[in-house]
Amino acid sequence: AVQENGKQPTDYLVPFISSGIIDCYFSWCRSDVKIPLGQLIGQF
C-alpha cells in the first residue's frame, strides 16, 4: 500500500506496525472482556 502511493517504507516501522496490530488483535481475542471490534479497529 505504501509503495503504491509512491513511497518507500522503512524496514523497521512496517514490522512494528503489523506486529503491534496483530498482537493487540490476538490479545483482544484471548480477553474475557472485549470492547466492540469496531472500537478496537478504530484504535488500530
PDB file of all heavy atoms in Angstrom:
ATOM      1  N   ALA A   1       0.829  -1.214   0.000  1.00  0.00           N
ATOM      2  CA  ALA A   1       0.000   0.000   0.000  1.00  0.00           C
ATOM      3  C   ALA A   1       0.860   1.260   0.000  1.00  0.00           C
ATOM      4  O   ALA A   1       0.576   2.213  -0.719  1.00  0.00           O
ATOM      5  CB  ALA A   1      -0.942  -0.007   1.202  1.00  0.00           C
ATOM      6  N   VAL A   2       1.919   1.257   0.796  1.00  0.00           N
ATOM      7  CA  VAL A   2       2.808   2.419   0.860  1.00  0.00           C
ATOM      8  C   VAL A   2       3.514   2.602  -0.483  1.00  0.00           C
ATOM      9  O   VAL A   2       3.597   3.725  -1.006  1.00  0.00           O
ATOM     10  CB  VAL A   2       3.827   2.263   2.021  1.00  0.00           C
ATOM     11  CG1 VAL A   2       4.898   3.335   1.955  1.00  0.00           C
ATOM     12  CG2 VAL A   2       3.112   2.307   3.361  1.00  0.00           C
ATOM     13  N   GLN A   3       3.984   1.515  -1.071  1.00  0.00           N
ATOM     14  CA  GLN A   3       4.672   1.598  -2.359  1.00  0.00           C
ATOM     15  C   GLN A   3       3.740   2.042  -3.480  1.00  0.00           C
ATOM     16  O   GLN A   3       4.150   2.780  -4.377  1.00  0.00           O
ATOM     17  CB  GLN A   3       5.321   0.250  -2.708  1.00  0.00           C
ATOM     18  CG  GLN A   3       6.506  -0.059  -1.825  1.00  0.00           C
ATOM     19  CD  GLN A   3       7.042  -1.469  -2.001  1.00  0.00           C
ATOM     20  OE1 GLN A   3       6.354  -2.376  -2.447  1.00  0.00           O
ATOM     21  NE2 GLN A   3       8.307  -1.648  -1.633  1.00  0.00           N
ATOM     22  N   GLU A   4       2.487   1.619  -3.413  1.00  0.00           N
ATOM     23  CA  GLU A   4       1.510   2.047  -4.427  1.00  0.00           C
ATOM     24  C   GLU A   4       1.249   3.545  -4.352  1.00  0.00           C
ATOM     25  O   GLU A   4       0.786   4.138  -5.317  1.00  0.00           O
ATOM     26  CB  GLU A   4       0.209   1.263  -4.282  1.00  0.00           C
ATOM     27  CG  GLU A   4       0.308  -0.162  -4.771  1.00  0.00           C
ATOM     28  CD  GLU A   4      -0.915  -1.009  -4.461  1.00  0.00           C
ATOM     29  OE1 GLU A   4      -1.874  -0.507  -3.828  1.00  0.00           O
ATOM     30  OE2 GLU A   4      -0.900  -2.195  -4.844  1.00  0.00           O
ATOM     31  N   ASN A   5       1.553   4.132  -3.210  1.00  0.00           N
ATOM     32  CA  ASN A   5       1.423   5.581  -3.048  1.00  0.00           C
ATOM     33  C   ASN A   5       2.738   6.299  -3.365  1.00  0.00           C
ATOM     34  O   ASN A   5       2.927   7.450  -2.984  1.00  0.00           O
ATOM     35  CB  ASN A   5       0.949   5.922  -1.633  1.00  0.00           C
ATOM     36  CG  ASN A   5      -0.548   5.715  -1.499  1.00  0.00           C
ATOM     37  OD1 ASN A   5      -1.324   6.476  -2.053  1.00  0.00           O
ATOM     38  ND2 ASN A   5      -0.946   4.674  -0.795  1.00  0.00           N
ATOM     39  N   GLY A   6       3.630   5.584  -4.030  1.00  0.00           N
ATOM     40  CA  GLY A   6       4.873   6.190  -4.496  1.00  0.00           C
ATOM     41  C   GLY A   6       5.924   6.406  -3.435  1.00  0.00           C
ATOM     42  O   GLY A   6       6.859   7.174  -3.631  1.00  0.00           O
ATOM     43  N   LYS A   7       5.811   5.742  -2.324  1.00  0.00           N
ATOM     44  CA  LYS A   7       6.775   5.916  -1.230  1.00  0.00           C
ATOM     45  C   LYS A   7       7.506   4.602  -0.959  1.00  0.00           C
ATOM     46  O   LYS A   7       7.041   3.517  -1.316  1.00  0.00           O
ATOM     47  CB  LYS A   7       6.057   6.355   0.056  1.00  0.00           C
ATOM     48  CG  LYS A   7       5.178   7.574  -0.104  1.00  0.00           C
ATOM     49  CD  LYS A   7       5.974   8.811  -0.378  1.00  0.00           C
ATOM     50  CE  LYS A   7       5.024  10.011  -0.447  1.00  0.00           C
ATOM     51  NZ  LYS A   7       5.676  11.214  -0.803  1.00  0.00           N
ATOM     52  N   GLN A   8       8.634   4.716  -0.308  1.00  0.00           N
ATOM     53  CA  GLN A   8       9.391   3.529   0.091  1.00  0.00           C
ATOM     54  C   GLN A   8       9.373   3.451   1.617  1.00  0.00           C
ATOM     55  O   GLN A   8       9.914   4.315   2.297  1.00  0.00           O
ATOM     56  CB  GLN A   8      10.833   3.600  -0.420  1.00  0.00           C
ATOM     57  CG  GLN A   8      11.642   2.357  -0.163  1.00  0.00           C
ATOM     58  CD  GLN A   8      11.038   1.096  -0.784  1.00  0.00           C
ATOM     59  OE1 GLN A   8      10.526   1.110  -1.887  1.00  0.00           O
ATOM     60  NE2 GLN A   8      11.082   0.003  -0.047  1.00  0.00           N
ATOM     61  N   PRO A   9       8.720   2.411   2.163  1.00  0.00           N
ATOM     62  CA  PRO A   9       8.644   2.309   3.627  1.00  0.00           C
ATOM     63  C   PRO A   9      10.000   1.941   4.231  1.00  0.00           C
ATOM     64  O   PRO A   9      10.830   1.317   3.580  1.00  0.00           O
ATOM     65  CB  PRO A   9       7.635   1.182   3.838  1.00  0.00           C
ATOM     66  CG  PRO A   9       7.725   0.356   2.605  1.00  0.00           C
ATOM     67  CD  PRO A   9       8.067   1.308   1.486  1.00  0.00           C
ATOM     68  N   THR A  10      10.186   2.337   5.480  1.00  0.00           N
ATOM     69  CA  THR A  10      11.405   1.954   6.190  1.00  0.00           C
ATOM     70  C   THR A  10      11.302   0.485   6.586  1.00  0.00           C
ATOM     71  O   THR A  10      10.219  -0.074   6.698  1.00  0.00           O
ATOM     72  CB  THR A  10      11.590   2.810   7.463  1.00  0.00           C
ATOM     73  OG1 THR A  10      10.439   2.625   8.286  1.00  0.00           O
ATOM     74  CG2 THR A  10      11.758   4.278   7.124  1.00  0.00           C
ATOM     75  N   ASP A  11      12.439  -0.128   6.791  1.00  0.00           N
ATOM     76  CA  ASP A  11      12.488  -1.556   7.099  1.00  0.00           C
ATOM     77  C   ASP A  11      12.016  -1.887   8.508  1.00  0.00           C
ATOM     78  O   ASP A  11      11.718  -3.028   8.798  1.00  0.00           O
ATOM     79  CB  ASP A  11      13.918  -2.082   6.942  1.00  0.00           C
ATOM     80  CG  ASP A  11      14.375  -2.074   5.502  1.00  0.00           C
ATOM     81  OD1 ASP A  11      13.511  -2.098   4.609  1.00  0.00           O
ATOM     82  OD2 ASP A  11      15.601  -2.031   5.274  1.00  0.00           O
ATOM     83  N   TYR A  12      11.959  -0.921   9.384  1.00  0.00           N
ATOM     84  CA  TYR A  12      11.652  -1.222  10.783  1.00  0.00           C
ATOM     85  C   TYR A  12      10.251  -0.820  11.229  1.00  0.00           C
ATOM     86  O   TYR A  12       9.709  -1.415  12.145  1.00  0.00           O
ATOM     87  CB  TYR A  12      12.694  -0.576  11.709  1.00  0.00           C
ATOM     88  CG  TYR A  12      12.932   0.889  11.434  1.00  0.00           C
ATOM     89  CD1 TYR A  12      12.154   1.867  12.029  1.00  0.00           C
ATOM     90  CD2 TYR A  12      13.936   1.283  10.562  1.00  0.00           C
ATOM     91  CE1 TYR A  12      12.360   3.200  11.763  1.00  0.00           C
ATOM     92  CE2 TYR A  12      14.151   2.624  10.289  1.00  0.00           C
ATOM     93  CZ  TYR A  12      13.363   3.582  10.885  1.00  0.00           C
ATOM     94  OH  TYR A  12      13.562   4.897  10.622  1.00  0.00           O
ATOM     95  N   LEU A  13       9.643   0.165  10.593  1.00  0.00           N
ATOM     96  CA  LEU A  13       8.327   0.580  11.050  1.00  0.00           C
ATOM     97  C   LEU A  13       7.194  -0.340  10.574  1.00  0.00           C
ATOM     98  O   LEU A  13       6.230  -0.547  11.297  1.00  0.00           O
ATOM     99  CB  LEU A  13       8.024   2.021  10.648  1.00  0.00           C
ATOM    100  CG  LEU A  13       8.654   3.091  11.543  1.00  0.00           C
ATOM    101  CD1 LEU A  13       8.341   4.487  11.038  1.00  0.00           C
ATOM    102  CD2 LEU A  13       8.214   2.954  12.987  1.00  0.00           C
ATOM    103  N   VAL A  14       7.322  -0.896   9.381  1.00  0.00           N
ATOM    104  CA  VAL A  14       6.263  -1.796   8.895  1.00  0.00           C
ATOM    105  C   VAL A  14       6.147  -3.025   9.807  1.00  0.00           C
ATOM    106  O   VAL A  14       5.037  -3.363  10.234  1.00  0.00           O
ATOM    107  CB  VAL A  14       6.481  -2.193   7.418  1.00  0.00           C
ATOM    108  CG1 VAL A  14       5.523  -3.297   7.007  1.00  0.00           C
ATOM    109  CG2 VAL A  14       6.287  -0.976   6.517  1.00  0.00           C
ATOM    110  N   PRO A  15       7.254  -3.701  10.150  1.00  0.00           N
ATOM    111  CA  PRO A  15       7.102  -4.827  11.096  1.00  0.00           C
ATOM    112  C   PRO A  15       6.578  -4.386  12.457  1.00  0.00           C
ATOM    113  O   PRO A  15       5.811  -5.108  13.091  1.00  0.00           O
ATOM    114  CB  PRO A  15       8.521  -5.396  11.221  1.00  0.00           C
ATOM    115  CG  PRO A  15       9.236  -4.935  10.007  1.00  0.00           C
ATOM    116  CD  PRO A  15       8.617  -3.617   9.632  1.00  0.00           C
ATOM    117  N   PHE A  16       6.949  -3.187  12.888  1.00  0.00           N
ATOM    118  CA  PHE A  16       6.453  -2.652  14.156  1.00  0.00           C
ATOM    119  C   PHE A  16       4.939  -2.490  14.099  1.00  0.00           C
ATOM    120  O   PHE A  16       4.217  -2.906  15.015  1.00  0.00           O
ATOM    121  CB  PHE A  16       7.144  -1.312  14.445  1.00  0.00           C
ATOM    122  CG  PHE A  16       6.663  -0.634  15.693  1.00  0.00           C
ATOM    123  CD1 PHE A  16       7.112  -1.050  16.942  1.00  0.00           C
ATOM    124  CD2 PHE A  16       5.767   0.426  15.628  1.00  0.00           C
ATOM    125  CE1 PHE A  16       6.673  -0.422  18.108  1.00  0.00           C
ATOM    126  CE2 PHE A  16       5.329   1.057  16.777  1.00  0.00           C
ATOM    127  CZ  PHE A  16       5.786   0.627  18.022  1.00  0.00           C
ATOM    128  N   ILE A  17       4.441  -1.902  13.013  1.00  0.00           N
ATOM    129  CA  ILE A  17       3.007  -1.687  12.863  1.00  0.00           C
ATOM    130  C   ILE A  17       2.273  -3.023  12.789  1.00  0.00           C
ATOM    131  O   ILE A  17       1.295  -3.241  13.511  1.00  0.00           O
ATOM    132  CB  ILE A  17       2.708  -0.838  11.606  1.00  0.00           C
ATOM    133  CG1 ILE A  17       3.239   0.594  11.790  1.00  0.00           C
ATOM    134  CG2 ILE A  17       1.216  -0.820  11.295  1.00  0.00           C
ATOM    135  CD1 ILE A  17       3.248   1.415  10.500  1.00  0.00           C
ATOM    136  N   SER A  18       2.724  -3.913  11.918  1.00  0.00           N
ATOM    137  CA  SER A  18       1.999  -5.184  11.742  1.00  0.00           C
ATOM    138  C   SER A  18       2.057  -6.031  13.009  1.00  0.00           C
ATOM    139  O   SER A  18       1.053  -6.633  13.398  1.00  0.00           O
ATOM    140  CB  SER A  18       2.511  -5.958  10.528  1.00  0.00           C
ATOM    141  OG  SER A  18       3.844  -6.354  10.691  1.00  0.00           O
ATOM    142  N   SER A  19       3.205  -6.066  13.669  1.00  0.00           N
ATOM    143  CA  SER A  19       3.314  -6.842  14.912  1.00  0.00           C
ATOM    144  C   SER A  19       2.409  -6.270  15.994  1.00  0.00           C
ATOM    145  O   SER A  19       1.722  -7.015  16.695  1.00  0.00           O
ATOM    146  CB  SER A  19       4.757  -6.860  15.419  1.00  0.00           C
ATOM    147  OG  SER A  19       5.569  -7.601  14.555  1.00  0.00           O
ATOM    148  N   GLY A  20       2.400  -4.953  16.113  1.00  0.00           N
ATOM    149  CA  GLY A  20       1.554  -4.317  17.121  1.00  0.00           C
ATOM    150  C   GLY A  20       0.078  -4.591  16.888  1.00  0.00           C
ATOM    151  O   GLY A  20      -0.661  -4.946  17.811  1.00  0.00           O
ATOM    152  N   ILE A  21      -0.351  -4.451  15.639  1.00  0.00           N
ATOM    153  CA  ILE A  21      -1.757  -4.683  15.313  1.00  0.00           C
ATOM    154  C   ILE A  21      -2.142  -6.131  15.596  1.00  0.00           C
ATOM    155  O   ILE A  21      -3.156  -6.406  16.243  1.00  0.00           O
ATOM    156  CB  ILE A  21      -2.046  -4.322  13.839  1.00  0.00           C
ATOM    157  CG1 ILE A  21      -1.974  -2.802  13.637  1.00  0.00           C
ATOM    158  CG2 ILE A  21      -3.404  -4.860  13.395  1.00  0.00           C
ATOM    159  CD1 ILE A  21      -2.020  -2.371  12.173  1.00  0.00           C
ATOM    160  N   ILE A  22      -1.345  -7.064  15.110  1.00  0.00           N
ATOM    161  CA  ILE A  22      -1.683  -8.485  15.265  1.00  0.00           C
ATOM    162  C   ILE A  22      -1.618  -8.902  16.731  1.00  0.00           C
ATOM    163  O   ILE A  22      -2.502  -9.614  17.221  1.00  0.00           O
ATOM    164  CB  ILE A  22      -0.787  -9.377  14.379  1.00  0.00           C
ATOM    165  CG1 ILE A  22      -0.992  -9.043  12.890  1.00  0.00           C
ATOM    166  CG2 ILE A  22      -1.018 -10.846  14.657  1.00  0.00           C
ATOM    167  CD1 ILE A  22      -2.414  -9.204  12.380  1.00  0.00           C
ATOM    168  N   ASP A  23      -0.583  -8.466  17.452  1.00  0.00           N
ATOM    169  CA  ASP A  23      -0.503  -8.815  18.875  1.00  0.00           C
ATOM    170  C   ASP A  23      -1.698  -8.259  19.648  1.00  0.00           C
ATOM    171  O   ASP A  23      -2.263  -8.945  20.507  1.00  0.00           O
ATOM    172  CB  ASP A  23       0.814  -8.333  19.486  1.00  0.00           C
ATOM    173  CG  ASP A  23       2.011  -9.170  19.050  1.00  0.00           C
ATOM    174  OD1 ASP A  23       1.805 -10.296  18.539  1.00  0.00           O
ATOM    175  OD2 ASP A  23       3.152  -8.700  19.218  1.00  0.00           O
ATOM    176  N   CYS A  24      -2.085  -7.024  19.356  1.00  0.00           N
ATOM    177  CA  CYS A  24      -3.262  -6.448  20.019  1.00  0.00           C
ATOM    178  C   CYS A  24      -4.529  -7.211  19.661  1.00  0.00           C
ATOM    179  O   CYS A  24      -5.366  -7.484  20.520  1.00  0.00           O
ATOM    180  CB  CYS A  24      -3.425  -4.975  19.627  1.00  0.00           C
ATOM    181  SG  CYS A  24      -2.231  -3.888  20.393  1.00  0.00           S
ATOM    182  N   TYR A  25      -4.667  -7.559  18.388  1.00  0.00           N
ATOM    183  CA  TYR A  25      -5.855  -8.294  17.955  1.00  0.00           C
ATOM    184  C   TYR A  25      -5.963  -9.631  18.688  1.00  0.00           C
ATOM    185  O   TYR A  25      -7.025  -9.980  19.204  1.00  0.00           O
ATOM    186  CB  TYR A  25      -5.824  -8.519  16.436  1.00  0.00           C
ATOM    187  CG  TYR A  25      -6.943  -9.412  15.957  1.00  0.00           C
ATOM    188  CD1 TYR A  25      -8.251  -8.936  15.894  1.00  0.00           C
ATOM    189  CD2 TYR A  25      -6.703 -10.733  15.614  1.00  0.00           C
ATOM    190  CE1 TYR A  25      -9.289  -9.761  15.479  1.00  0.00           C
ATOM    191  CE2 TYR A  25      -7.735 -11.561  15.202  1.00  0.00           C
ATOM    192  CZ  TYR A  25      -9.025 -11.072  15.132  1.00  0.00           C
ATOM    193  OH  TYR A  25     -10.051 -11.900  14.737  1.00  0.00           O
ATOM    194  N   PHE A  26      -4.859 -10.374  18.767  1.00  0.00           N
ATOM    195  CA  PHE A  26      -4.927 -11.673  19.435  1.00  0.00           C
ATOM    196  C   PHE A  26      -5.057 -11.540  20.950  1.00  0.00           C
ATOM    197  O   PHE A  26      -5.659 -12.396  21.594  1.00  0.00           O
ATOM    198  CB  PHE A  26      -3.774 -12.585  19.013  1.00  0.00           C
ATOM    199  CG  PHE A  26      -4.002 -13.151  17.642  1.00  0.00           C
ATOM    200  CD1 PHE A  26      -3.256 -12.741  16.563  1.00  0.00           C
ATOM    201  CD2 PHE A  26      -5.023 -14.062  17.424  1.00  0.00           C
ATOM    202  CE1 PHE A  26      -3.501 -13.242  15.297  1.00  0.00           C
ATOM    203  CE2 PHE A  26      -5.279 -14.572  16.159  1.00  0.00           C
ATOM    204  CZ  PHE A  26      -4.512 -14.160  15.089  1.00  0.00           C
ATOM    205  N   SER A  27      -4.545 -10.468  21.523  1.00  0.00           N
ATOM    206  CA  SER A  27      -4.814 -10.200  22.943  1.00  0.00           C
ATOM    207  C   SER A  27      -6.297  -9.957  23.144  1.00  0.00           C
ATOM    208  O   SER A  27      -6.905 -10.435  24.106  1.00  0.00           O
ATOM    209  CB  SER A  27      -4.015  -8.992  23.428  1.00  0.00           C
ATOM    210  OG  SER A  27      -2.648  -9.287  23.459  1.00  0.00           O
ATOM    211  N   TRP A  28      -6.898  -9.203  22.218  1.00  0.00           N
ATOM    212  CA  TRP A  28      -8.346  -8.958  22.253  1.00  0.00           C
ATOM    213  C   TRP A  28      -9.109 -10.273  22.138  1.00  0.00           C
ATOM    214  O   TRP A  28     -10.062 -10.515  22.870  1.00  0.00           O
ATOM    215  CB  TRP A  28      -8.719  -7.997  21.118  1.00  0.00           C
ATOM    216  CG  TRP A  28     -10.179  -7.721  20.968  1.00  0.00           C
ATOM    217  CD1 TRP A  28     -10.924  -6.832  21.694  1.00  0.00           C
ATOM    218  CD2 TRP A  28     -11.081  -8.319  20.041  1.00  0.00           C
ATOM    219  NE1 TRP A  28     -12.240  -6.842  21.261  1.00  0.00           N
ATOM    220  CE2 TRP A  28     -12.352  -7.751  20.243  1.00  0.00           C
ATOM    221  CE3 TRP A  28     -10.936  -9.281  19.037  1.00  0.00           C
ATOM    222  CZ2 TRP A  28     -13.471  -8.104  19.492  1.00  0.00           C
ATOM    223  CZ3 TRP A  28     -12.048  -9.640  18.284  1.00  0.00           C
ATOM    224  CH2 TRP A  28     -13.294  -9.047  18.523  1.00  0.00           C
ATOM    225  N   CYS A  29      -8.669 -11.150  21.218  1.00  0.00           N
ATOM    226  CA  CYS A  29      -9.330 -12.456  21.043  1.00  0.00           C
ATOM    227  C   CYS A  29      -9.283 -13.296  22.316  1.00  0.00           C
ATOM    228  O   CYS A  29     -10.235 -13.997  22.639  1.00  0.00           O
ATOM    229  CB  CYS A  29      -8.677 -13.247  19.907  1.00  0.00           C
ATOM    230  SG  CYS A  29      -8.998 -12.603  18.257  1.00  0.00           S
ATOM    231  N   ARG A  30      -8.156 -13.223  23.042  1.00  0.00           N
ATOM    232  CA  ARG A  30      -7.987 -14.025  24.258  1.00  0.00           C
ATOM    233  C   ARG A  30      -8.696 -13.421  25.466  1.00  0.00           C
ATOM    234  O   ARG A  30      -8.892 -14.085  26.469  1.00  0.00           O
ATOM    235  CB  ARG A  30      -6.500 -14.157  24.578  1.00  0.00           C
ATOM    236  CG  ARG A  30      -5.740 -15.038  23.640  1.00  0.00           C
ATOM    237  CD  ARG A  30      -4.261 -15.131  24.043  1.00  0.00           C
ATOM    238  NE  ARG A  30      -3.484 -15.651  22.950  1.00  0.00           N
ATOM    239  CZ  ARG A  30      -2.692 -14.934  22.154  1.00  0.00           C
ATOM    240  NH1 ARG A  30      -2.549 -13.628  22.368  1.00  0.00           N
ATOM    241  NH2 ARG A  30      -2.036 -15.499  21.177  1.00  0.00           N
ATOM    242  N   SER A  31      -9.052 -12.158  25.383  1.00  0.00           N
ATOM    243  CA  SER A  31      -9.623 -11.441  26.520  1.00  0.00           C
ATOM    244  C   SER A  31     -11.041 -11.900  26.833  1.00  0.00           C
ATOM    245  O   SER A  31     -11.832 -12.197  25.942  1.00  0.00           O
ATOM    246  CB  SER A  31      -9.633  -9.943  26.216  1.00  0.00           C
ATOM    247  OG  SER A  31     -10.267  -9.243  27.247  1.00  0.00           O
ATOM    248  N   ASP A  32     -11.353 -11.948  28.115  1.00  0.00           N
ATOM    249  CA  ASP A  32     -12.716 -12.262  28.541  1.00  0.00           C
ATOM    250  C   ASP A  32     -13.632 -11.050  28.411  1.00  0.00           C
ATOM    251  O   ASP A  32     -14.827 -11.189  28.197  1.00  0.00           O
ATOM    252  CB  ASP A  32     -12.720 -12.750  29.995  1.00  0.00           C
ATOM    253  CG  ASP A  32     -12.052 -14.106  30.147  1.00  0.00           C
ATOM    254  OD1 ASP A  32     -12.055 -14.887  29.176  1.00  0.00           O
ATOM    255  OD2 ASP A  32     -11.521 -14.375  31.235  1.00  0.00           O
ATOM    256  N   VAL A  33     -13.055  -9.865  28.565  1.00  0.00           N
ATOM    257  CA  VAL A  33     -13.829  -8.630  28.462  1.00  0.00           C
ATOM    258  C   VAL A  33     -13.374  -7.930  27.186  1.00  0.00           C
ATOM    259  O   VAL A  33     -12.231  -7.494  27.083  1.00  0.00           O
ATOM    260  CB  VAL A  33     -13.589  -7.716  29.690  1.00  0.00           C
ATOM    261  CG1 VAL A  33     -14.369  -6.430  29.554  1.00  0.00           C
ATOM    262  CG2 VAL A  33     -13.935  -8.447  30.974  1.00  0.00           C
ATOM    263  N   LYS A  34     -14.282  -7.847  26.214  1.00  0.00           N
ATOM    264  CA  LYS A  34     -13.914  -7.300  24.919  1.00  0.00           C
ATOM    265  C   LYS A  34     -14.662  -5.996  24.643  1.00  0.00           C
ATOM    266  O   LYS A  34     -15.851  -5.905  24.868  1.00  0.00           O
ATOM    267  CB  LYS A  34     -14.261  -8.290  23.803  1.00  0.00           C
ATOM    268  CG  LYS A  34     -13.402  -9.517  23.774  1.00  0.00           C
ATOM    269  CD  LYS A  34     -13.762 -10.360  22.555  1.00  0.00           C
ATOM    270  CE  LYS A  34     -12.790 -11.477  22.374  1.00  0.00           C
ATOM    271  NZ  LYS A  34     -13.187 -12.730  22.916  1.00  0.00           N
ATOM    272  N   ILE A  35     -13.909  -5.040  24.105  1.00  0.00           N
ATOM    273  CA  ILE A  35     -14.566  -3.873  23.535  1.00  0.00           C
ATOM    274  C   ILE A  35     -15.100  -4.316  22.173  1.00  0.00           C
ATOM    275  O   ILE A  35     -14.651  -5.329  21.626  1.00  0.00           O
ATOM    276  CB  ILE A  35     -13.585  -2.677  23.409  1.00  0.00           C
ATOM    277  CG1 ILE A  35     -12.421  -3.006  22.465  1.00  0.00           C
ATOM    278  CG2 ILE A  35     -13.097  -2.240  24.777  1.00  0.00           C
ATOM    279  CD1 ILE A  35     -11.504  -1.821  22.164  1.00  0.00           C
ATOM    280  N   PRO A  36     -16.049  -3.594  21.595  1.00  0.00           N
ATOM    281  CA  PRO A  36     -16.542  -3.985  20.271  1.00  0.00           C
ATOM    282  C   PRO A  36     -15.418  -3.957  19.232  1.00  0.00           C
ATOM    283  O   PRO A  36     -14.498  -3.122  19.317  1.00  0.00           O
ATOM    284  CB  PRO A  36     -17.600  -2.918  19.957  1.00  0.00           C
ATOM    285  CG  PRO A  36     -17.996  -2.367  21.288  1.00  0.00           C
ATOM    286  CD  PRO A  36     -16.774  -2.459  22.153  1.00  0.00           C
ATOM    287  N   LEU A  37     -15.504  -4.858  18.247  1.00  0.00           N
ATOM    288  CA  LEU A  37     -14.478  -4.949  17.210  1.00  0.00           C
ATOM    289  C   LEU A  37     -14.292  -3.607  16.506  1.00  0.00           C
ATOM    290  O   LEU A  37     -13.164  -3.195  16.253  1.00  0.00           O
ATOM    291  CB  LEU A  37     -14.833  -6.046  16.192  1.00  0.00           C
ATOM    292  CG  LEU A  37     -13.827  -6.263  15.067  1.00  0.00           C
ATOM    293  CD1 LEU A  37     -12.472  -6.685  15.620  1.00  0.00           C
ATOM    294  CD2 LEU A  37     -14.350  -7.295  14.080  1.00  0.00           C
ATOM    295  N   GLY A  38     -15.380  -2.906  16.229  1.00  0.00           N
ATOM    296  CA  GLY A  38     -15.282  -1.607  15.556  1.00  0.00           C
ATOM    297  C   GLY A  38     -14.455  -0.608  16.346  1.00  0.00           C
ATOM    298  O   GLY A  38     -13.676   0.155  15.782  1.00  0.00           O
ATOM    299  N   GLN A  39     -14.612  -0.621  17.662  1.00  0.00           N
ATOM    300  CA  GLN A  39     -13.835   0.289  18.517  1.00  0.00           C
ATOM    301  C   GLN A  39     -12.358  -0.113  18.504  1.00  0.00           C
ATOM    302  O   GLN A  39     -11.477   0.750  18.430  1.00  0.00           O
ATOM    303  CB  GLN A  39     -14.388   0.252  19.944  1.00  0.00           C
ATOM    304  CG  GLN A  39     -13.748   1.239  20.877  1.00  0.00           C
ATOM    305  CD  GLN A  39     -14.365   1.193  22.276  1.00  0.00           C
ATOM    306  OE1 GLN A  39     -15.426   0.619  22.490  1.00  0.00           O
ATOM    307  NE2 GLN A  39     -13.692   1.800  23.237  1.00  0.00           N
ATOM    308  N   LEU A  40     -12.088  -1.398  18.566  1.00  0.00           N
ATOM    309  CA  LEU A  40     -10.704  -1.880  18.508  1.00  0.00           C
ATOM    310  C   LEU A  40     -10.056  -1.458  17.191  1.00  0.00           C
ATOM    311  O   LEU A  40      -8.934  -0.940  17.180  1.00  0.00           O
ATOM    312  CB  LEU A  40     -10.672  -3.406  18.655  1.00  0.00           C
ATOM    313  CG  LEU A  40      -9.296  -4.055  18.571  1.00  0.00           C
ATOM    314  CD1 LEU A  40      -8.483  -3.750  19.824  1.00  0.00           C
ATOM    315  CD2 LEU A  40      -9.435  -5.560  18.388  1.00  0.00           C
ATOM    316  N   ILE A  41     -10.761  -1.659  16.089  1.00  0.00           N
ATOM    317  CA  ILE A  41     -10.231  -1.302  14.776  1.00  0.00           C
ATOM    318  C   ILE A  41     -10.041   0.210  14.674  1.00  0.00           C
ATOM    319  O   ILE A  41      -9.075   0.684  14.071  1.00  0.00           O
ATOM    320  CB  ILE A  41     -11.168  -1.812  13.648  1.00  0.00           C
ATOM    321  CG1 ILE A  41     -11.312  -3.336  13.718  1.00  0.00           C
ATOM    322  CG2 ILE A  41     -10.654  -1.381  12.278  1.00  0.00           C
ATOM    323  CD1 ILE A  41     -10.040  -4.126  13.678  1.00  0.00           C
ATOM    324  N   GLY A  42     -10.930   0.977  15.283  1.00  0.00           N
ATOM    325  CA  GLY A  42     -10.767   2.430  15.310  1.00  0.00           C
ATOM    326  C   GLY A  42      -9.457   2.820  15.975  1.00  0.00           C
ATOM    327  O   GLY A  42      -8.741   3.707  15.505  1.00  0.00           O
ATOM    328  N   GLN A  43      -9.129   2.148  17.069  1.00  0.00           N
ATOM    329  CA  GLN A  43      -7.867   2.411  17.751  1.00  0.00           C
ATOM    330  C   GLN A  43      -6.690   2.024  16.866  1.00  0.00           C
ATOM    331  O   GLN A  43      -5.706   2.760  16.759  1.00  0.00           O
ATOM    332  CB  GLN A  43      -7.827   1.663  19.084  1.00  0.00           C
ATOM    333  CG  GLN A  43      -8.816   2.195  20.095  1.00  0.00           C
ATOM    334  CD  GLN A  43      -8.923   1.332  21.347  1.00  0.00           C
ATOM    335  OE1 GLN A  43      -8.311   0.283  21.459  1.00  0.00           O
ATOM    336  NE2 GLN A  43      -9.734   1.792  22.290  1.00  0.00           N
ATOM    337  N   PHE A  44      -6.782   0.845  16.211  1.00  0.00           N
ATOM    338  CA  PHE A  44      -5.725   0.422  15.282  1.00  0.00           C
ATOM    339  C   PHE A  44      -5.530   1.473  14.188  1.00  0.00           C
ATOM    340  O   PHE A  44      -4.411   1.847  13.862  1.00  0.00           O
ATOM    341  CB  PHE A  44      -6.079  -0.893  14.576  1.00  0.00           C
ATOM    342  CG  PHE A  44      -6.040  -2.136  15.409  1.00  0.00           C
ATOM    343  CD1 PHE A  44      -6.584  -3.304  14.905  1.00  0.00           C
ATOM    344  CD2 PHE A  44      -5.469  -2.171  16.666  1.00  0.00           C
ATOM    345  CE1 PHE A  44      -6.561  -4.480  15.637  1.00  0.00           C
ATOM    346  CE2 PHE A  44      -5.446  -3.327  17.411  1.00  0.00           C
ATOM    347  CZ  PHE A  44      -5.988  -4.489  16.892  1.00  0.00           C
TER     348      PHE A  44
END
